[in-house]
Amino acid sequence: MKNRNKMADKKDKIKEQVADKKDVKATKNSEEKSTTKEKAKKTDNTASKIEELEAKLSEMNDKHLRLQAEFDNYRRRTLNEKMDLIKSGGEDVLSSLLPVMDNFERAITASKDAKDIDAVREGIDLIYTSFKEYLNKKGVKEIEAVHKEFDTDYHEAMTKIPAPDKKLKGKVIDVIEKGYMLNEKVIRFAKVVVGE
């Protein structure tokens, strides 16, 4: 009986060991299954993130291309507008000068047959006055120079001569060529003679 008991005990132990091994295997299998599930979830998450990032990249590339095309269109449009302004910018000035040109042509024609020089002079003075008024309307002003203090911002000294009076020392004595300003900007310096 002792042998039978020992054998039964051994069988029980073996059964327990086999059961333990089965439990261990089952645990390992369940762990492997959960690990596999976790890996599958991670793979699914990674794949969805990749798809999401690819969609964002595609959207950003599309936006970039559209913005670049829009900028190119803007640049072309402003360049064309600038060229049009350059081409036709002087149109207003030139069309306003045409009546002055017409008056000069009439004066030349009239001066050929004229015997009265005073009438010709008067006609030329009228043309000069109308032209000067036109320039004033456009913002062109003559730079006052005679007997003014010499100023390099407005005057260009052509020569220096001894001043006829001590008060004229360092001042403009004579103007060789008038200077002009357009809206407070010098467009031609007055060429002057300065007293020393």
C-alpha atoms as a PDB file:
ATOM      1  CA  MET A   1       0.000   0.000   0.000  1.00  0.00           C
ATOM      2  CA  LYS A   2       2.799   2.219   0.681  1.00  0.00           C
ATOM      3  CA  ASN A   3       3.955   1.725  -2.841  1.00  0.00           C
ATOM      4  CA  ARG A   4       0.554   2.527  -4.145  1.00  0.00           C
ATOM      5  CA  ASN A   5       0.360   5.642  -2.045  1.00  0.00           C
ATOM      6  CA  LYS A   6       3.785   6.677  -3.212  1.00  0.00           C
ATOM      7  CA  MET A   7       2.776   6.052  -6.743  1.00  0.00           C
ATOM      8  CA  ALA A   8      -0.428   7.938  -6.335  1.00  0.00           C
ATOM      9  CA  ASP A   9       1.512  10.778  -4.757  1.00  0.00           C
ATOM     10  CA  LYS A  10       3.942  10.745  -7.682  1.00  0.00           C
ATOM     11  CA  LYS A  11       1.076  10.719 -10.141  1.00  0.00           C
ATOM     12  CA  ASP A  12      -0.532  13.592  -8.311  1.00  0.00           C
ATOM     13  CA  LYS A  13       2.749  15.495  -8.333  1.00  0.00           C
ATOM     14  CA  ILE A  14       3.224  14.798 -12.023  1.00  0.00           C
ATOM     15  CA  LYS A  15      -0.348  15.882 -12.694  1.00  0.00           C
ATOM     16  CA  GLU A  16       0.268  19.018 -10.696  1.00  0.00           C
ATOM     17  CA  GLN A  17       3.497  19.681 -12.582  1.00  0.00           C
ATOM     18  CA  VAL A  18       1.763  19.096 -15.898  1.00  0.00           C
ATOM     19  CA  ALA A  19      -1.081  21.367 -14.778  1.00  0.00           C
ATOM     20  CA  ASP A  20       1.464  23.967 -13.668  1.00  0.00           C
ATOM     21  CA  LYS A  21       3.238  23.698 -17.028  1.00  0.00           C
ATOM     22  CA  LYS A  22      -0.107  24.042 -18.792  1.00  0.00           C
ATOM     23  CA  ASP A  23      -0.880  27.078 -16.650  1.00  0.00           C
ATOM     24  CA  VAL A  24       2.550  28.515 -17.468  1.00  0.00           C
ATOM     25  CA  LYS A  25       2.015  27.798 -21.174  1.00  0.00           C
ATOM     26  CA  ALA A  26      -1.470  29.260 -21.026  1.00  0.00           C
ATOM     27  CA  THR A  27      -0.101  32.323 -19.246  1.00  0.00           C
ATOM     28  CA  LYS A  28       2.673  32.613 -21.815  1.00  0.00           C
ATOM     29  CA  ASN A  29       0.181  32.180 -24.628  1.00  0.00           C
ATOM     30  CA  SER A  30      -2.139  34.796 -23.153  1.00  0.00           C
ATOM     31  CA  GLU A  31       0.831  37.116 -22.617  1.00  0.00           C
ATOM     32  CA  GLU A  32       1.971  36.511 -26.189  1.00  0.00           C
ATOM     33  CA  LYS A  33      -1.553  37.113 -27.418  1.00  0.00           C
ATOM     34  CA  SER A  34      -1.816  40.355 -25.420  1.00  0.00           C
ATOM     35  CA  THR A  35       1.644  41.403 -26.620  1.00  0.00           C
ATOM     36  CA  THR A  36       0.607  40.601 -30.170  1.00  0.00           C
ATOM     37  CA  LYS A  37      -2.601  42.576 -29.676  1.00  0.00           C
ATOM     38  CA  GLU A  38      -0.625  45.474 -28.242  1.00  0.00           C
ATOM     39  CA  LYS A  39       1.780  45.309 -31.161  1.00  0.00           C
ATOM     40  CA  ALA A  40      -1.149  45.222 -33.561  1.00  0.00           C
ATOM     41  CA  LYS A  41      -2.697  48.231 -31.801  1.00  0.00           C
ATOM     42  CA  LYS A  42       0.641  50.075 -31.926  1.00  0.00           C
ATOM     43  CA  THR A  43       0.985  49.174 -35.598  1.00  0.00           C
ATOM     44  CA  ASP A  44      -2.563  50.381 -36.242  1.00  0.00           C
ATOM     45  CA  ASN A  45      -1.860  53.619 -34.299  1.00  0.00           C
ATOM     46  CA  THR A  46       1.404  54.133 -36.178  1.00  0.00           C
ATOM     47  CA  ALA A  47      -0.270  53.483 -39.521  1.00  0.00           C
ATOM     48  CA  SER A  48      -3.096  55.900 -38.728  1.00  0.00           C
ATOM     49  CA  LYS A  49      -0.586  58.516 -37.583  1.00  0.00           C
ATOM     50  CA  ILE A  50       1.407  58.042 -40.785  1.00  0.00           C
ATOM     51  CA  GLU A  51      -1.755  58.412 -42.864  1.00  0.00           C
ATOM     52  CA  GLU A  52      -2.727  61.527 -40.887  1.00  0.00           C
ATOM     53  CA  LEU A  53       0.738  63.056 -41.327  1.00  0.00           C
ATOM     54  CA  GLU A  54       0.745  62.240 -45.044  1.00  0.00           C
ATOM     55  CA  ALA A  55      -2.646  63.958 -45.396  1.00  0.00           C
ATOM     56  CA  LYS A  56      -1.332  67.018 -43.544  1.00  0.00           C
ATOM     57  CA  LEU A  57       1.802  67.055 -45.711  1.00  0.00           C
ATOM     58  CA  SER A  58      -0.289  66.842 -48.851  1.00  0.00           C
ATOM     59  CA  GLU A  59      -2.515  69.693 -47.624  1.00  0.00           C
ATOM     60  CA  MET A  60       0.501  71.855 -46.739  1.00  0.00           C
ATOM     61  CA  ASN A  61       2.102  71.196 -50.141  1.00  0.00           C
ATOM     62  CA  ASP A  62      -1.137  72.181 -51.839  1.00  0.00           C
ATOM     63  CA  LYS A  63      -1.374  75.387 -49.792  1.00  0.00           C
ATOM     64  CA  HIS A  64       2.270  76.184 -50.546  1.00  0.00           C
ATOM     65  CA  LEU A  65       1.796  75.703 -54.291  1.00  0.00           C
ATOM     66  CA  ARG A  66      -1.342  77.850 -54.304  1.00  0.00           C
ATOM     67  CA  LEU A  67       0.368  80.601 -52.328  1.00  0.00           C
ATOM     68  CA  GLN A  68       3.372  80.532 -54.626  1.00  0.00           C
ATOM     69  CA  ALA A  69       1.142  80.740 -57.703  1.00  0.00           C
ATOM     70  CA  GLU A  70      -0.818  83.610 -56.147  1.00  0.00           C
ATOM     71  CA  PHE A  71       2.409  85.495 -55.416  1.00  0.00           C
ATOM     72  CA  ASP A  72       3.667  84.951 -58.985  1.00  0.00           C
ATOM     73  CA  ASN A  73       0.376  86.333 -60.331  1.00  0.00           C
ATOM     74  CA  TYR A  74       0.624  89.349 -58.001  1.00  0.00           C
ATOM     75  CA  ARG A  75       4.217  90.006 -59.090  1.00  0.00           C
ATOM     76  CA  ARG A  76       3.304  89.825 -62.798  1.00  0.00           C
ATOM     77  CA  ARG A  77       0.268  92.055 -62.316  1.00  0.00           C
ATOM     78  CA  THR A  78       2.218  94.753 -60.428  1.00  0.00           C
ATOM     79  CA  LEU A  79       5.034  94.587 -62.980  1.00  0.00           C
ATOM     80  CA  ASN A  80       2.524  95.127 -65.799  1.00  0.00           C
ATOM     81  CA  GLU A  81       0.909  98.014 -63.925  1.00  0.00           C
ATOM     82  CA  LYS A  82       4.323  99.580 -63.348  1.00  0.00           C
ATOM     83  CA  MET A  83       5.205  99.266 -67.040  1.00  0.00           C
ATOM     84  CA  ASP A  84       1.880 100.860 -67.992  1.00  0.00           C
ATOM     85  CA  LEU A  85       2.546 103.745 -65.608  1.00  0.00           C
ATOM     86  CA  ILE A  86       6.002 104.267 -67.075  1.00  0.00           C
ATOM     87  CA  LYS A  87       4.638 104.211 -70.628  1.00  0.00           C
ATOM     88  CA  SER A  88       1.718 106.533 -70.019  1.00  0.00           C
ATOM     89  CA  GLY A  89       2.999 108.451 -66.972  1.00  0.00           C
ATOM     90  CA  GLY A  90       4.048 111.452 -69.014  1.00  0.00           C
ATOM     91  CA  GLU A  91       0.867 111.445 -71.084  1.00  0.00           C
ATOM     92  CA  ASP A  92      -0.852 114.024 -68.871  1.00  0.00           C
ATOM     93  CA  VAL A  93       2.159 116.335 -68.946  1.00  0.00           C
ATOM     94  CA  LEU A  94       2.646 116.031 -72.681  1.00  0.00           C
ATOM     95  CA  SER A  95      -1.015 116.509 -73.550  1.00  0.00           C
ATOM     96  CA  SER A  96      -1.063 119.653 -71.411  1.00  0.00           C
ATOM     97  CA  LEU A  97       2.003 120.992 -73.236  1.00  0.00           C
ATOM     98  CA  LEU A  98       0.429 120.635 -76.669  1.00  0.00           C
ATOM     99  CA  PRO A  99      -1.475 123.959 -76.453  1.00  0.00           C
ATOM    100  CA  VAL A 100       1.804 125.708 -75.625  1.00  0.00           C
ATOM    101  CA  MET A 101       3.362 124.089 -78.693  1.00  0.00           C
ATOM    102  CA  ASP A 102       0.415 125.269 -80.791  1.00  0.00           C
ATOM    103  CA  ASN A 103       0.891 128.825 -79.495  1.00  0.00           C
ATOM    104  CA  PHE A 104       4.598 128.738 -80.391  1.00  0.00           C
ATOM    105  CA  GLU A 105       3.769 127.575 -83.923  1.00  0.00           C
ATOM    106  CA  ARG A 106       1.246 130.411 -84.305  1.00  0.00           C
ATOM    107  CA  ALA A 107       3.827 132.901 -83.028  1.00  0.00           C
ATOM    108  CA  ILE A 108       6.432 131.671 -85.515  1.00  0.00           C
ATOM    109  CA  THR A 109       3.941 131.905 -88.371  1.00  0.00           C
ATOM    110  CA  ALA A 110       2.824 135.387 -87.296  1.00  0.00           C
ATOM    111  CA  SER A 111       6.398 136.627 -86.831  1.00  0.00           C
ATOM    112  CA  LYS A 112       7.279 135.832 -90.467  1.00  0.00           C
ATOM    113  CA  ASP A 113       4.760 138.352 -91.814  1.00  0.00           C
ATOM    114  CA  ALA A 114       4.781 140.741 -88.847  1.00  0.00           C
ATOM    115  CA  LYS A 115       6.080 144.232 -89.201  1.00  0.00           C
ATOM    116  CA  ASP A 116       5.273 145.196 -85.617  1.00  0.00           C
ATOM    117  CA  ILE A 117       7.933 143.674 -83.336  1.00  0.00           C
ATOM    118  CA  ASP A 118       6.080 144.757 -80.200  1.00  0.00           C
ATOM    119  CA  ALA A 119       3.089 142.575 -81.137  1.00  0.00           C
ATOM    120  CA  VAL A 120       5.399 139.576 -81.636  1.00  0.00           C
ATOM    121  CA  ARG A 121       7.048 140.197 -78.247  1.00  0.00           C
ATOM    122  CA  GLU A 122       3.662 140.478 -76.599  1.00  0.00           C
ATOM    123  CA  GLY A 123       2.604 137.143 -78.135  1.00  0.00           C
ATOM    124  CA  ILE A 124       5.795 135.454 -76.921  1.00  0.00           C
ATOM    125  CA  ASP A 125       5.269 136.944 -73.444  1.00  0.00           C
ATOM    126  CA  LEU A 126       1.726 135.498 -73.403  1.00  0.00           C
ATOM    127  CA  ILE A 127       3.052 132.061 -74.346  1.00  0.00           C
ATOM    128  CA  TYR A 128       5.771 132.296 -71.676  1.00  0.00           C
ATOM    129  CA  THR A 129       3.224 133.333 -69.040  1.00  0.00           C
ATOM    130  CA  SER A 130       0.835 130.496 -69.899  1.00  0.00           C
ATOM    131  CA  PHE A 131       3.707 127.988 -69.813  1.00  0.00           C
ATOM    132  CA  LYS A 132       4.939 129.302 -66.448  1.00  0.00           C
ATOM    133  CA  GLU A 133       1.390 129.048 -65.011  1.00  0.00           C
ATOM    134  CA  TYR A 134       1.170 125.470 -66.247  1.00  0.00           C
ATOM    135  CA  LEU A 135       4.454 124.603 -64.486  1.00  0.00           C
ATOM    136  CA  ASN A 136       3.223 126.237 -61.274  1.00  0.00           C
ATOM    137  CA  LYS A 137       0.043 124.138 -61.407  1.00  0.00           C
ATOM    138  CA  LYS A 138       2.188 120.998 -61.677  1.00  0.00           C
ATOM    139  CA  GLY A 139       4.204 122.027 -58.590  1.00  0.00           C
ATOM    140  CA  VAL A 140       7.298 123.403 -60.337  1.00  0.00           C
ATOM    141  CA  LYS A 141       8.696 126.512 -58.674  1.00  0.00           C
ATOM    142  CA  GLU A 142      11.678 128.669 -59.483  1.00  0.00           C
ATOM    143  CA  ILE A 143      14.460 128.806 -56.882  1.00  0.00           C
ATOM    144  CA  GLU A 144      15.001 132.374 -55.738  1.00  0.00           C
ATOM    145  CA  ALA A 145      18.737 132.993 -55.857  1.00  0.00           C
ATOM    146  CA  VAL A 146      19.802 136.606 -56.516  1.00  0.00           C
ATOM    147  CA  HIS A 147      21.144 138.335 -53.382  1.00  0.00           C
ATOM    148  CA  LYS A 148      20.347 135.239 -51.293  1.00  0.00           C
ATOM    149  CA  GLU A 149      22.867 133.468 -49.080  1.00  0.00           C
ATOM    150  CA  PHE A 150      24.743 130.815 -51.097  1.00  0.00           C
ATOM    151  CA  ASP A 151      23.253 127.413 -50.171  1.00  0.00           C
ATOM    152  CA  THR A 152      24.643 124.186 -51.645  1.00  0.00           C
ATOM    153  CA  ASP A 153      21.247 122.530 -51.188  1.00  0.00           C
ATOM    154  CA  TYR A 154      19.798 124.844 -53.863  1.00  0.00           C
ATOM    155  CA  HIS A 155      22.716 126.504 -55.680  1.00  0.00           C
ATOM    156  CA  GLU A 156      25.656 125.306 -57.747  1.00  0.00           C
ATOM    157  CA  ALA A 157      28.558 127.789 -57.800  1.00  0.00           C
ATOM    158  CA  MET A 158      29.910 128.238 -61.318  1.00  0.00           C
ATOM    159  CA  THR A 159      32.421 130.910 -60.375  1.00  0.00           C
ATOM    160  CA  LYS A 160      33.412 133.364 -57.649  1.00  0.00           C
ATOM    161  CA  ILE A 161      34.024 137.039 -58.215  1.00  0.00           C
ATOM    162  CA  PRO A 162      34.933 139.870 -55.870  1.00  0.00           C
ATOM    163  CA  ALA A 163      31.772 141.182 -54.226  1.00  0.00           C
ATOM    164  CA  PRO A 164      30.843 144.711 -55.359  1.00  0.00           C
ATOM    165  CA  ASP A 165      29.567 145.368 -51.839  1.00  0.00           C
ATOM    166  CA  LYS A 166      30.551 143.886 -48.454  1.00  0.00           C
ATOM    167  CA  LYS A 167      26.918 142.925 -47.890  1.00  0.00           C
ATOM    168  CA  LEU A 168      27.063 140.623 -50.928  1.00  0.00           C
ATOM    169  CA  LYS A 169      30.050 138.648 -49.649  1.00  0.00           C
ATOM    170  CA  GLY A 170      29.060 134.919 -49.572  1.00  0.00           C
ATOM    171  CA  LYS A 171      25.819 135.698 -51.410  1.00  0.00           C
ATOM    172  CA  VAL A 172      24.628 135.025 -54.937  1.00  0.00           C
ATOM    173  CA  ILE A 173      25.453 137.930 -57.211  1.00  0.00           C
ATOM    174  CA  ASP A 174      24.155 136.602 -60.532  1.00  0.00           C
ATOM    175  CA  VAL A 175      22.218 133.606 -61.872  1.00  0.00           C
ATOM    176  CA  ILE A 176      23.595 131.909 -64.975  1.00  0.00           C
ATOM    177  CA  GLU A 177      20.842 129.264 -65.154  1.00  0.00           C
ATOM    178  CA  LYS A 178      17.684 129.229 -63.042  1.00  0.00           C
ATOM    179  CA  GLY A 179      17.041 126.352 -60.690  1.00  0.00           C
ATOM    180  CA  TYR A 180      13.696 124.656 -60.141  1.00  0.00           C
ATOM    181  CA  MET A 181      11.964 122.605 -57.463  1.00  0.00           C
ATOM    182  CA  LEU A 182       9.180 120.087 -57.904  1.00  0.00           C
ATOM    183  CA  ASN A 183       7.071 119.748 -54.751  1.00  0.00           C
ATOM    184  CA  GLU A 184       9.905 120.871 -52.445  1.00  0.00           C
ATOM    185  CA  LYS A 185      12.486 118.639 -54.185  1.00  0.00           C
ATOM    186  CA  VAL A 186      15.247 120.240 -56.237  1.00  0.00           C
ATOM    187  CA  ILE A 187      15.030 119.031 -59.834  1.00  0.00           C
ATOM    188  CA  ARG A 188      17.682 121.451 -61.133  1.00  0.00           C
ATOM    189  CA  PHE A 189      20.159 123.445 -59.073  1.00  0.00           C
ATOM    190  CA  ALA A 190      20.507 127.139 -59.832  1.00  0.00           C
ATOM    191  CA  LYS A 191      23.894 127.822 -61.487  1.00  0.00           C
ATOM    192  CA  VAL A 192      25.133 130.987 -59.841  1.00  0.00           C
ATOM    193  CA  VAL A 193      27.998 133.433 -59.434  1.00  0.00           C
ATOM    194  CA  VAL A 194      29.020 133.906 -55.798  1.00  0.00           C
ATOM    195  CA  GLY A 195      30.617 137.041 -54.320  1.00  0.00           C
ATOM    196  CA  GLU A 196      33.736 136.711 -52.155  1.00  0.00           C
END
